[in-house]
């Protein structure tokens, strides 16, 4: 899954397929806020282009979970952000419901580690990669704190 705004939406869908993945669709995140531009529609949504590296058969049987395709979750307030494109952990936890129990999540653009925190809370294995050393340190600190909090509950 890749977060993208409207300007790169078609290119990301093509890039996913050119990389050999199966394009599965788009999920919408209504952030509930955006910068107002007079005379234009508000850009208060981001899109998540998602696909699979191989088949993912649809099982039409009772009890199989169906996941939401549109989420209304407020973005992280600027004063609380650790990274300029930080995503709310609540949103990531919803998106990660599609990962099988005991699954592994790779975030090659980890930023401040929100995906890692969501994985910790959902008991999923996580690998994060971040080029910027300062953000990498922030991510490690935030994920370690989430690990301590989850073990305190036990």
N, C-alpha and C. Protein backbone atom coordinates (compact mmCIF):
# COMPACT_ATOMS: atom_id res chain seq x y z
N UNK A 1 0.85 -1.18 0.00
CA UNK A 1 0.00 0.00 0.00
C UNK A 1 0.89 1.23 0.00
N UNK A 2 0.52 2.22 -0.80
CA UNK A 2 1.30 3.44 -0.93
C UNK A 2 0.37 4.64 -0.81
N UNK A 3 0.70 5.57 0.10
CA UNK A 3 -0.06 6.81 0.23
C UNK A 3 0.33 7.74 -0.92
N UNK A 4 -0.67 8.38 -1.50
CA UNK A 4 -0.42 9.25 -2.66
C UNK A 4 -1.49 10.34 -2.70
N UNK A 5 -1.15 11.49 -3.24
CA UNK A 5 -2.21 12.49 -3.44
C UNK A 5 -2.71 12.39 -4.88
N UNK A 6 -3.70 13.18 -5.22
CA UNK A 6 -4.39 13.06 -6.51
C UNK A 6 -3.46 13.26 -7.70
N UNK A 7 -2.39 14.06 -7.54
CA UNK A 7 -1.53 14.37 -8.68
C UNK A 7 -0.78 13.16 -9.22
N UNK A 8 -0.44 12.20 -8.35
CA UNK A 8 0.35 11.05 -8.77
C UNK A 8 -0.44 9.74 -8.76
N UNK A 9 -1.73 9.85 -8.59
CA UNK A 9 -2.56 8.65 -8.49
C UNK A 9 -2.45 7.73 -9.71
N UNK A 10 -2.61 8.22 -10.94
CA UNK A 10 -2.50 7.31 -12.10
C UNK A 10 -1.11 6.71 -12.25
N UNK A 11 -0.07 7.51 -11.99
CA UNK A 11 1.29 7.01 -12.14
C UNK A 11 1.62 5.91 -11.14
N UNK A 12 1.11 6.05 -9.91
CA UNK A 12 1.41 5.04 -8.90
C UNK A 12 0.73 3.72 -9.23
N UNK A 13 -0.49 3.78 -9.74
CA UNK A 13 -1.18 2.54 -10.14
C UNK A 13 -0.39 1.85 -11.27
N UNK A 14 0.10 2.63 -12.22
CA UNK A 14 0.91 2.05 -13.30
C UNK A 14 2.23 1.50 -12.78
N UNK A 15 2.90 2.23 -11.89
CA UNK A 15 4.20 1.80 -11.35
C UNK A 15 4.06 0.49 -10.58
N UNK A 16 2.98 0.37 -9.84
CA UNK A 16 2.74 -0.86 -9.09
C UNK A 16 2.68 -2.07 -10.03
N UNK A 17 1.95 -1.90 -11.13
CA UNK A 17 1.80 -2.99 -12.09
C UNK A 17 3.09 -3.25 -12.86
N UNK A 18 3.81 -2.19 -13.19
CA UNK A 18 5.08 -2.36 -13.91
C UNK A 18 6.11 -3.08 -13.05
N UNK A 19 5.96 -2.98 -11.73
CA UNK A 19 6.87 -3.67 -10.82
C UNK A 19 6.49 -5.14 -10.64
N UNK A 20 5.43 -5.56 -11.32
CA UNK A 20 5.03 -6.96 -11.26
C UNK A 20 3.98 -7.29 -10.22
N UNK A 21 3.48 -6.29 -9.53
CA UNK A 21 2.45 -6.51 -8.52
C UNK A 21 1.07 -6.48 -9.17
N UNK A 22 0.10 -7.05 -8.50
CA UNK A 22 -1.28 -7.03 -8.99
C UNK A 22 -1.99 -5.85 -8.34
N UNK A 23 -2.42 -4.93 -9.16
CA UNK A 23 -3.13 -3.74 -8.70
C UNK A 23 -4.50 -4.16 -8.19
N UNK A 24 -4.80 -3.82 -6.92
CA UNK A 24 -6.06 -4.24 -6.30
C UNK A 24 -7.05 -3.10 -6.11
N UNK A 25 -6.58 -1.87 -6.15
CA UNK A 25 -7.52 -0.77 -6.02
C UNK A 25 -6.98 0.40 -5.22
N UNK A 26 -7.94 1.22 -4.80
CA UNK A 26 -7.63 2.47 -4.08
C UNK A 26 -8.49 2.53 -2.83
N UNK A 27 -7.89 2.93 -1.74
CA UNK A 27 -8.59 3.22 -0.49
C UNK A 27 -8.49 4.73 -0.29
N UNK A 28 -9.54 5.34 0.23
CA UNK A 28 -9.58 6.79 0.43
C UNK A 28 -9.44 7.11 1.91
N UNK A 29 -8.57 8.08 2.20
CA UNK A 29 -8.43 8.59 3.57
C UNK A 29 -8.90 10.04 3.57
N UNK A 30 -10.02 10.29 4.22
CA UNK A 30 -10.54 11.65 4.41
C UNK A 30 -9.91 12.19 5.68
N UNK A 31 -8.95 13.10 5.50
CA UNK A 31 -8.19 13.65 6.62
C UNK A 31 -8.99 14.67 7.42
N UNK A 32 -10.06 15.17 6.81
CA UNK A 32 -10.88 16.15 7.52
C UNK A 32 -10.30 17.55 7.54
N UNK A 33 -9.18 17.75 6.89
CA UNK A 33 -8.59 19.09 6.83
C UNK A 33 -7.71 19.21 5.59
N UNK A 34 -7.54 20.42 5.16
CA UNK A 34 -6.62 20.68 4.05
C UNK A 34 -6.42 22.19 3.94
N UNK A 35 -5.48 22.54 3.12
CA UNK A 35 -5.22 23.96 2.87
C UNK A 35 -6.28 24.44 1.88
N UNK A 36 -6.96 25.51 2.23
CA UNK A 36 -8.00 26.06 1.36
C UNK A 36 -7.36 26.84 0.20
N UNK A 37 -7.82 26.59 -1.02
CA UNK A 37 -7.38 27.32 -2.20
C UNK A 37 -8.64 27.92 -2.82
N UNK A 38 -8.74 29.25 -2.86
CA UNK A 38 -9.96 29.88 -3.37
C UNK A 38 -10.30 29.43 -4.80
N UNK A 39 -11.58 29.16 -5.03
CA UNK A 39 -12.05 28.80 -6.36
C UNK A 39 -11.76 27.37 -6.77
N UNK A 40 -11.34 26.53 -5.80
CA UNK A 40 -11.03 25.13 -6.10
C UNK A 40 -11.69 24.22 -5.08
N UNK A 41 -11.77 22.94 -5.42
CA UNK A 41 -12.23 21.95 -4.45
C UNK A 41 -11.13 21.71 -3.44
N UNK A 42 -11.51 21.43 -2.21
CA UNK A 42 -10.52 21.13 -1.16
C UNK A 42 -9.86 19.78 -1.43
N UNK A 43 -8.60 19.68 -1.17
CA UNK A 43 -7.87 18.41 -1.29
C UNK A 43 -7.73 17.80 0.11
N UNK A 44 -8.87 17.42 0.68
CA UNK A 44 -8.83 16.91 2.04
C UNK A 44 -8.78 15.38 2.11
N UNK A 45 -8.44 14.75 0.98
CA UNK A 45 -8.28 13.30 0.96
C UNK A 45 -6.89 12.93 0.45
N UNK A 46 -6.42 11.81 0.94
CA UNK A 46 -5.26 11.15 0.35
C UNK A 46 -5.74 9.79 -0.10
N UNK A 47 -4.99 9.18 -0.98
CA UNK A 47 -5.38 7.90 -1.54
C UNK A 47 -4.31 6.87 -1.22
N UNK A 48 -4.76 5.66 -1.02
CA UNK A 48 -3.84 4.57 -0.76
C UNK A 48 -4.00 3.59 -1.92
N UNK A 49 -2.99 3.51 -2.78
CA UNK A 49 -2.99 2.56 -3.88
C UNK A 49 -2.45 1.26 -3.30
N UNK A 50 -3.17 0.17 -3.53
CA UNK A 50 -2.71 -1.08 -2.94
C UNK A 50 -2.75 -2.21 -3.95
N UNK A 51 -1.88 -3.17 -3.69
CA UNK A 51 -1.79 -4.33 -4.56
C UNK A 51 -1.18 -5.49 -3.80
N UNK A 52 -1.06 -6.61 -4.50
CA UNK A 52 -0.48 -7.80 -3.88
C UNK A 52 0.63 -8.34 -4.77
N UNK A 53 1.58 -8.96 -4.13
CA UNK A 53 2.68 -9.61 -4.85
C UNK A 53 2.28 -11.08 -5.01
N UNK A 54 1.34 -11.31 -5.90
CA UNK A 54 0.79 -12.64 -6.11
C UNK A 54 -0.71 -12.64 -5.87
N UNK A 55 -1.29 -13.80 -5.98
CA UNK A 55 -2.75 -13.90 -5.90
C UNK A 55 -3.24 -13.68 -4.48
N UNK A 56 -4.44 -13.22 -4.38
CA UNK A 56 -5.15 -13.06 -3.11
C UNK A 56 -6.61 -13.37 -3.41
N UNK A 57 -6.95 -14.67 -3.44
CA UNK A 57 -8.30 -15.06 -3.83
C UNK A 57 -9.36 -14.47 -2.91
N UNK A 58 -10.47 -14.05 -3.50
CA UNK A 58 -11.61 -13.58 -2.72
C UNK A 58 -12.42 -14.80 -2.30
N UNK A 59 -12.59 -14.95 -0.99
CA UNK A 59 -13.34 -16.10 -0.47
C UNK A 59 -14.76 -15.66 -0.14
N UNK A 60 -15.70 -16.04 -0.95
CA UNK A 60 -17.10 -15.70 -0.73
C UNK A 60 -17.74 -16.75 0.16
N UNK A 61 -17.52 -16.58 1.47
CA UNK A 61 -18.09 -17.51 2.42
C UNK A 61 -18.43 -16.75 3.70
N UNK A 62 -19.38 -17.24 4.46
CA UNK A 62 -19.78 -16.55 5.69
C UNK A 62 -18.60 -16.35 6.65
N UNK A 63 -18.55 -15.17 7.26
CA UNK A 63 -17.54 -14.89 8.26
C UNK A 63 -16.26 -14.28 7.75
N UNK A 64 -16.06 -14.23 6.42
CA UNK A 64 -14.85 -13.63 5.88
C UNK A 64 -14.98 -12.11 6.01
N UNK A 65 -13.96 -11.48 6.59
CA UNK A 65 -14.03 -10.05 6.83
C UNK A 65 -13.93 -9.26 5.53
N UNK A 66 -14.70 -8.19 5.46
CA UNK A 66 -14.64 -7.24 4.36
C UNK A 66 -14.16 -5.92 4.97
N UNK A 67 -13.13 -5.35 4.39
CA UNK A 67 -12.51 -4.15 4.96
C UNK A 67 -13.09 -2.89 4.33
N UNK A 68 -13.10 -1.83 5.13
CA UNK A 68 -13.60 -0.55 4.65
C UNK A 68 -12.73 -0.03 3.50
N UNK A 69 -13.32 0.77 2.61
CA UNK A 69 -12.58 1.36 1.50
C UNK A 69 -12.40 2.85 1.64
N UNK A 70 -13.00 3.42 2.70
CA UNK A 70 -12.90 4.87 2.94
C UNK A 70 -12.83 5.07 4.45
N UNK A 71 -11.84 5.85 4.88
CA UNK A 71 -11.64 6.10 6.30
C UNK A 71 -11.69 7.59 6.57
N UNK A 72 -12.44 7.98 7.58
CA UNK A 72 -12.46 9.37 8.03
C UNK A 72 -11.74 9.41 9.37
N UNK A 73 -10.47 9.74 9.31
CA UNK A 73 -9.62 9.82 10.50
C UNK A 73 -8.86 11.13 10.40
N UNK A 74 -8.94 11.94 11.44
CA UNK A 74 -8.23 13.22 11.43
C UNK A 74 -6.73 13.01 11.30
N UNK A 75 -6.11 13.89 10.52
CA UNK A 75 -4.66 13.86 10.40
C UNK A 75 -4.00 14.26 11.71
N UNK A 76 -2.72 13.98 11.83
CA UNK A 76 -1.97 14.36 13.02
C UNK A 76 -1.82 15.88 13.04
N UNK A 77 -2.14 16.49 14.15
CA UNK A 77 -2.01 17.95 14.27
C UNK A 77 -0.56 18.36 14.10
N UNK A 78 -0.34 19.48 13.45
CA UNK A 78 1.02 19.96 13.19
C UNK A 78 1.86 20.04 14.46
N UNK A 79 1.27 20.48 15.55
CA UNK A 79 2.03 20.62 16.80
C UNK A 79 2.45 19.28 17.39
N UNK A 80 1.79 18.18 16.96
CA UNK A 80 2.11 16.85 17.48
C UNK A 80 2.92 16.00 16.51
N UNK A 81 3.20 16.53 15.33
CA UNK A 81 3.89 15.75 14.31
C UNK A 81 5.38 15.62 14.60
N UNK A 82 5.89 14.43 14.30
CA UNK A 82 7.32 14.17 14.36
C UNK A 82 7.93 14.22 12.95
N UNK A 83 7.07 14.20 11.94
CA UNK A 83 7.47 14.15 10.53
C UNK A 83 6.39 14.88 9.73
N UNK A 84 6.77 15.56 8.66
CA UNK A 84 5.80 16.38 7.92
C UNK A 84 4.68 15.59 7.26
N UNK A 85 4.90 14.31 6.94
CA UNK A 85 3.84 13.51 6.32
C UNK A 85 3.37 12.39 7.25
N UNK A 86 3.49 12.60 8.54
CA UNK A 86 3.12 11.58 9.52
C UNK A 86 1.65 11.18 9.39
N UNK A 87 1.42 9.88 9.46
CA UNK A 87 0.07 9.34 9.39
C UNK A 87 -0.39 8.96 10.79
N UNK A 88 -1.69 9.08 11.06
CA UNK A 88 -2.19 8.69 12.39
C UNK A 88 -2.12 7.18 12.60
N UNK A 89 -1.66 6.77 13.76
CA UNK A 89 -1.55 5.35 14.08
C UNK A 89 -2.92 4.68 13.97
N UNK A 90 -3.98 5.36 14.37
CA UNK A 90 -5.34 4.81 14.28
C UNK A 90 -5.67 4.39 12.85
N UNK A 91 -5.33 5.22 11.87
CA UNK A 91 -5.57 4.90 10.46
C UNK A 91 -4.75 3.70 10.03
N UNK A 92 -3.48 3.68 10.40
CA UNK A 92 -2.60 2.58 9.99
C UNK A 92 -3.08 1.25 10.58
N UNK A 93 -3.57 1.28 11.80
CA UNK A 93 -4.09 0.05 12.41
C UNK A 93 -5.28 -0.47 11.61
N UNK A 94 -6.12 0.41 11.12
CA UNK A 94 -7.27 -0.01 10.30
C UNK A 94 -6.78 -0.63 8.99
N UNK A 95 -5.82 0.02 8.35
CA UNK A 95 -5.31 -0.49 7.07
C UNK A 95 -4.58 -1.82 7.24
N UNK A 96 -3.91 -1.99 8.36
CA UNK A 96 -3.13 -3.21 8.59
C UNK A 96 -3.98 -4.41 8.96
N UNK A 97 -5.27 -4.22 9.13
CA UNK A 97 -6.15 -5.36 9.41
C UNK A 97 -6.11 -6.39 8.29
N UNK A 98 -5.74 -5.97 7.10
CA UNK A 98 -5.69 -6.87 5.95
C UNK A 98 -4.48 -7.81 6.00
N UNK A 99 -3.50 -7.50 6.85
CA UNK A 99 -2.31 -8.34 6.98
C UNK A 99 -2.68 -9.58 7.81
N UNK A 100 -2.35 -10.76 7.32
CA UNK A 100 -2.68 -11.99 8.07
C UNK A 100 -2.01 -12.01 9.45
N UNK A 101 -2.66 -12.66 10.40
CA UNK A 101 -2.11 -12.82 11.74
C UNK A 101 -0.71 -13.40 11.64
N UNK A 102 0.23 -12.79 12.38
CA UNK A 102 1.62 -13.25 12.35
C UNK A 102 2.38 -12.75 11.14
N UNK A 103 1.76 -11.86 10.36
CA UNK A 103 2.39 -11.36 9.14
C UNK A 103 3.51 -10.38 9.39
N UNK A 104 4.20 -10.05 8.33
CA UNK A 104 5.34 -9.13 8.35
C UNK A 104 4.98 -7.90 7.54
N UNK A 105 5.29 -6.72 8.06
CA UNK A 105 5.04 -5.46 7.36
C UNK A 105 6.37 -4.79 7.10
N UNK A 106 6.59 -4.35 5.86
CA UNK A 106 7.79 -3.61 5.47
C UNK A 106 7.39 -2.18 5.16
N UNK A 107 8.04 -1.24 5.80
CA UNK A 107 7.83 0.18 5.51
C UNK A 107 9.18 0.76 5.06
N UNK A 108 9.38 0.89 3.73
CA UNK A 108 10.68 1.35 3.24
C UNK A 108 10.88 2.86 3.36
N UNK A 109 9.84 3.58 3.80
CA UNK A 109 9.94 5.03 4.02
C UNK A 109 9.34 5.31 5.39
N UNK A 110 10.01 4.85 6.43
CA UNK A 110 9.46 4.76 7.77
C UNK A 110 9.14 6.10 8.42
N UNK A 111 9.83 7.16 8.03
CA UNK A 111 9.57 8.45 8.65
C UNK A 111 9.74 8.38 10.15
N UNK A 112 8.69 8.75 10.89
CA UNK A 112 8.78 8.78 12.35
C UNK A 112 8.27 7.51 13.01
N UNK A 113 7.98 6.47 12.23
CA UNK A 113 7.69 5.16 12.80
C UNK A 113 6.25 4.83 13.13
N UNK A 114 5.30 5.58 12.61
CA UNK A 114 3.89 5.33 12.94
C UNK A 114 3.44 3.93 12.54
N UNK A 115 3.91 3.43 11.40
CA UNK A 115 3.54 2.08 10.97
C UNK A 115 4.10 1.05 11.95
N UNK A 116 5.30 1.26 12.42
CA UNK A 116 5.90 0.36 13.40
C UNK A 116 5.11 0.33 14.71
N UNK A 117 4.62 1.47 15.12
CA UNK A 117 3.80 1.54 16.33
C UNK A 117 2.50 0.77 16.12
N UNK A 118 1.87 0.96 14.97
CA UNK A 118 0.63 0.23 14.68
C UNK A 118 0.88 -1.27 14.65
N UNK A 119 2.00 -1.68 14.07
CA UNK A 119 2.34 -3.11 14.04
C UNK A 119 2.54 -3.66 15.45
N UNK A 120 3.20 -2.90 16.30
CA UNK A 120 3.40 -3.33 17.68
C UNK A 120 2.05 -3.53 18.36
N UNK A 121 1.14 -2.61 18.16
CA UNK A 121 -0.17 -2.70 18.80
C UNK A 121 -1.01 -3.84 18.24
N UNK A 122 -0.75 -4.24 16.99
CA UNK A 122 -1.50 -5.34 16.36
C UNK A 122 -0.76 -6.67 16.42
N UNK A 123 0.41 -6.68 17.05
CA UNK A 123 1.24 -7.88 17.16
C UNK A 123 1.66 -8.42 15.79
N UNK A 124 2.08 -7.50 14.91
CA UNK A 124 2.62 -7.87 13.61
C UNK A 124 4.12 -7.60 13.60
N UNK A 125 4.88 -8.43 12.91
CA UNK A 125 6.31 -8.18 12.76
C UNK A 125 6.50 -6.98 11.83
N UNK A 126 7.57 -6.23 12.05
CA UNK A 126 7.78 -4.98 11.33
C UNK A 126 9.24 -4.80 10.97
N UNK A 127 9.47 -4.36 9.73
CA UNK A 127 10.79 -3.93 9.28
C UNK A 127 10.62 -2.52 8.74
N UNK A 128 11.38 -1.58 9.27
CA UNK A 128 11.31 -0.20 8.82
C UNK A 128 12.66 0.26 8.30
N UNK A 129 12.61 1.04 7.23
CA UNK A 129 13.82 1.59 6.63
C UNK A 129 13.63 3.11 6.53
N UNK A 130 14.62 3.87 6.94
CA UNK A 130 14.55 5.32 6.84
C UNK A 130 15.94 5.87 6.53
N UNK A 131 16.04 6.64 5.45
CA UNK A 131 17.30 7.21 5.01
C UNK A 131 17.81 8.31 5.94
N UNK A 132 16.89 9.15 6.43
CA UNK A 132 17.25 10.27 7.27
C UNK A 132 17.56 9.78 8.69
N UNK A 133 18.79 9.97 9.13
CA UNK A 133 19.21 9.43 10.43
C UNK A 133 18.43 10.04 11.59
N UNK A 134 18.11 11.32 11.51
CA UNK A 134 17.35 11.96 12.60
C UNK A 134 15.96 11.33 12.73
N UNK A 135 15.28 11.13 11.60
CA UNK A 135 13.96 10.49 11.64
C UNK A 135 14.07 9.04 12.08
N UNK A 136 15.14 8.36 11.66
CA UNK A 136 15.33 6.97 12.08
C UNK A 136 15.42 6.88 13.60
N UNK A 137 16.15 7.80 14.21
CA UNK A 137 16.27 7.81 15.67
C UNK A 137 14.93 8.11 16.33
N UNK A 138 14.17 9.05 15.77
CA UNK A 138 12.84 9.36 16.30
C UNK A 138 11.95 8.13 16.21
N UNK A 139 11.98 7.44 15.07
CA UNK A 139 11.17 6.24 14.87
C UNK A 139 11.54 5.16 15.89
N UNK A 140 12.83 4.93 16.07
CA UNK A 140 13.26 3.91 17.04
C UNK A 140 12.74 4.24 18.44
N UNK A 141 12.84 5.51 18.82
CA UNK A 141 12.39 5.93 20.15
C UNK A 141 10.88 5.73 20.29
N UNK A 142 10.11 6.12 19.29
CA UNK A 142 8.65 5.98 19.36
C UNK A 142 8.22 4.52 19.38
N UNK A 143 8.87 3.68 18.59
CA UNK A 143 8.51 2.26 18.55
C UNK A 143 8.91 1.58 19.86
N UNK A 144 10.07 1.92 20.39
CA UNK A 144 10.48 1.36 21.70
C UNK A 144 9.48 1.74 22.78
N UNK A 145 9.02 2.98 22.75
CA UNK A 145 8.02 3.43 23.74
C UNK A 145 6.73 2.63 23.58
N UNK A 146 6.30 2.38 22.34
CA UNK A 146 5.10 1.57 22.10
C UNK A 146 5.30 0.15 22.60
N UNK A 147 6.51 -0.39 22.44
CA UNK A 147 6.81 -1.75 22.93
C UNK A 147 6.73 -1.79 24.45
N UNK A 148 7.27 -0.78 25.13
CA UNK A 148 7.21 -0.72 26.59
C UNK A 148 5.76 -0.63 27.06
N UNK A 149 4.97 0.18 26.37
CA UNK A 149 3.56 0.35 26.76
C UNK A 149 2.79 -0.96 26.58
N UNK A 150 3.07 -1.69 25.51
CA UNK A 150 2.32 -2.93 25.28
C UNK A 150 2.73 -4.02 26.27
N UNK A 151 3.98 -4.01 26.73
CA UNK A 151 4.38 -5.01 27.72
C UNK A 151 3.91 -4.63 29.11
N UNK A 152 3.70 -3.33 29.38
CA UNK A 152 3.18 -2.90 30.67
C UNK A 152 1.74 -3.37 30.85
N UNK A 153 1.00 -3.47 29.75
CA UNK A 153 -0.39 -3.90 29.81
C UNK A 153 -0.49 -5.37 30.16
N UNK A 154 0.49 -6.18 29.74
CA UNK A 154 0.46 -7.63 29.99
C UNK A 154 0.53 -7.99 31.43
